[in-house]
Amino acid sequence: MSDRVLKNEETQQRETNSTIQGFENRRQHVRIFYPPRCPVKFLPEMIVNHHNCLVLDISEGGIRFAISNALLIKQRTLTALLRFPDGGEIEITGEVVRRNYNQVALKLEKGIPYSRIMSEQLRLRNLETNGVISPPYTTRS
């Protein structure tokens, strides 16, 4: 086979892998979703401008969180403290890429470590196995 044919096949495979039933996957990282009815004690705590915010999902490259009135956040860049239930803390800084009435999404300057994402996934799966929470909590969408 020629190099051109191989490159075309590789391109088609990548396009197939990133498109599922007409949906193009633009995400680069595994995303951890926190169940909506999950008890707060099992959720990470995010502190922005001295306010605690509910974390909705995290990935290596971004975070989405709920805040009572997201439209009041005027900054383009936010710095926050992300505190996990095991006591681990990460200071994050990110660009506001989306906001609506009660949610803000940040693209992080320095990502959340992959090891932390995987430990959160494992922790949530263990909570699900023990009947404490119910899925979904991960996707690669």
Protein backbone atom coordinates (compact mmCIF):
# COMPACT_ATOMS: atom_id res chain seq x y z
CA MET A 1 0.00 0.00 0.00
CA SER A 2 1.15 3.49 -0.71
CA ASP A 3 1.81 6.03 2.02
CA ARG A 4 -1.06 8.14 0.73
CA VAL A 5 -3.55 5.27 1.04
CA LEU A 6 -2.36 4.52 4.59
CA LYS A 7 -2.68 8.17 5.59
CA ASN A 8 -6.21 8.30 4.15
CA GLU A 9 -7.18 5.18 6.12
CA GLU A 10 -5.70 6.64 9.32
CA THR A 11 -7.62 9.88 8.78
CA GLN A 12 -10.86 8.00 8.16
CA GLN A 13 -10.32 5.91 11.31
CA ARG A 14 -9.75 9.04 13.42
CA GLU A 15 -12.88 10.64 11.96
CA THR A 16 -14.89 7.47 12.65
CA ASN A 17 -13.61 7.30 16.23
CA SER A 18 -14.52 10.93 16.88
CA THR A 19 -18.00 10.72 15.33
CA ILE A 20 -20.69 8.62 16.96
CA GLN A 21 -24.16 8.69 15.41
CA GLY A 22 -23.53 12.08 13.84
CA PHE A 23 -22.04 13.60 17.00
CA GLU A 24 -18.54 14.94 16.64
CA ASN A 25 -16.40 14.41 19.73
CA ARG A 26 -14.37 17.58 20.28
CA ARG A 27 -13.16 16.72 23.77
CA GLN A 28 -9.57 15.70 24.33
CA HIS A 29 -9.82 14.43 27.90
CA VAL A 30 -11.83 12.01 30.00
CA ARG A 31 -14.53 13.93 31.86
CA ILE A 32 -15.80 12.96 35.32
CA PHE A 33 -19.44 13.89 35.94
CA TYR A 34 -20.64 14.17 39.52
CA PRO A 35 -24.17 12.77 39.95
CA PRO A 36 -26.78 15.50 40.53
CA ARG A 37 -28.13 13.92 43.73
CA CYS A 38 -24.74 12.99 45.16
CA PRO A 39 -24.39 13.94 48.84
CA VAL A 40 -22.17 17.02 49.16
CA LYS A 41 -19.72 15.19 51.43
CA PHE A 42 -18.70 13.05 48.42
CA LEU A 43 -18.14 16.01 46.08
CA PRO A 44 -15.06 18.16 45.60
CA GLU A 45 -15.38 21.64 47.05
CA MET A 46 -14.52 24.59 44.83
CA ILE A 47 -13.87 27.96 46.41
CA VAL A 48 -14.13 30.97 44.08
CA ASN A 49 -13.90 34.52 45.46
CA HIS A 50 -14.60 33.20 49.01
CA HIS A 51 -17.74 31.37 47.82
CA ASN A 52 -18.22 27.60 47.81
CA CYS A 53 -19.41 26.29 44.44
CA LEU A 54 -20.85 22.94 43.45
CA VAL A 55 -18.55 21.04 41.07
CA LEU A 56 -20.51 19.49 38.18
CA ASP A 57 -17.69 17.89 36.19
CA ILE A 58 -13.93 17.91 35.83
CA SER A 59 -11.37 16.88 33.25
CA GLU A 60 -7.66 17.39 32.80
CA GLY A 61 -8.34 20.51 30.76
CA GLY A 62 -11.43 22.04 32.31
CA ILE A 63 -14.04 22.24 35.01
CA ARG A 64 -17.73 23.13 35.13
CA PHE A 65 -19.35 24.34 38.32
CA ALA A 66 -22.64 25.73 39.57
CA ILE A 67 -22.91 29.13 41.18
CA SER A 68 -26.07 30.97 42.22
CA ASN A 69 -25.77 33.70 39.59
CA ALA A 70 -23.04 32.95 37.06
CA LEU A 71 -23.84 36.08 35.10
CA LEU A 72 -22.37 38.14 37.95
CA ILE A 73 -18.94 36.66 37.24
CA LYS A 74 -17.44 39.24 34.92
CA GLN A 75 -13.81 38.13 34.97
CA ARG A 76 -12.38 36.40 31.94
CA THR A 77 -9.94 34.50 34.14
CA LEU A 78 -10.75 32.92 37.50
CA THR A 79 -8.52 31.45 40.18
CA ALA A 80 -10.03 28.95 42.61
CA LEU A 81 -9.16 26.29 45.13
CA LEU A 82 -10.38 22.78 44.35
CA ARG A 83 -10.52 20.62 47.51
CA PHE A 84 -11.23 16.91 47.15
CA PRO A 85 -12.98 14.72 49.77
CA ASP A 86 -9.67 12.98 50.58
CA GLY A 87 -8.18 16.34 51.62
CA GLY A 88 -6.13 16.90 48.46
CA GLU A 89 -6.15 20.45 47.12
CA ILE A 90 -5.32 21.99 43.75
CA GLU A 91 -5.19 25.68 42.95
CA ILE A 92 -6.63 26.20 39.49
CA THR A 93 -6.71 29.13 37.11
CA GLY A 94 -8.78 29.12 33.97
CA GLU A 95 -10.41 31.15 31.27
CA VAL A 96 -14.19 31.45 31.41
CA VAL A 97 -15.31 29.79 28.17
CA ARG A 98 -19.02 29.52 28.93
CA ARG A 99 -21.48 30.85 31.47
CA ASN A 100 -25.22 30.76 31.79
CA TYR A 101 -27.63 31.53 34.63
CA ASN A 102 -26.15 29.13 37.16
CA GLN A 103 -23.12 27.44 35.58
CA VAL A 104 -19.60 28.44 34.59
CA ALA A 105 -17.13 26.44 32.51
CA LEU A 106 -13.40 27.08 32.68
CA LYS A 107 -10.61 26.03 30.35
CA LEU A 108 -7.70 25.52 32.72
CA GLU A 109 -4.27 27.06 32.19
CA LYS A 110 -2.62 24.16 34.01
CA GLY A 111 -4.73 21.03 33.95
CA ILE A 112 -5.90 18.78 36.75
CA PRO A 113 -3.43 15.88 36.89
CA TYR A 114 -4.53 12.72 35.10
CA SER A 115 -3.78 10.71 38.25
CA ARG A 116 -6.33 12.83 40.16
CA ILE A 117 -8.95 12.34 37.44
CA MET A 118 -8.45 8.57 37.57
CA SER A 119 -8.54 8.46 41.38
CA GLU A 120 -11.83 10.40 41.30
CA GLN A 121 -13.22 7.94 38.75
CA LEU A 122 -12.22 5.01 40.97
CA ARG A 123 -13.64 6.68 44.08
CA LEU A 124 -16.98 7.34 42.37
CA ARG A 125 -17.16 3.78 41.04
CA ASN A 126 -16.57 2.45 44.56
CA LEU A 127 -19.34 4.68 45.90
CA GLU A 128 -21.64 3.40 43.15
CA THR A 129 -20.73 -0.24 43.86
CA ASN A 130 -21.63 0.33 47.52
CA GLY A 131 -24.97 1.89 46.54
CA VAL A 132 -24.12 5.36 47.83
CA ILE A 133 -24.49 7.12 44.45
CA SER A 134 -25.81 6.27 41.00
CA PRO A 135 -24.17 6.87 37.58
CA PRO A 136 -23.41 8.54 35.18
CA TYR A 137 -20.07 9.99 36.16
CA THR A 138 -17.69 9.47 33.22
CA THR A 139 -17.76 9.92 29.50
CA ARG A 140 -15.41 10.74 26.72
CA SER A 141 -17.72 13.17 25.03
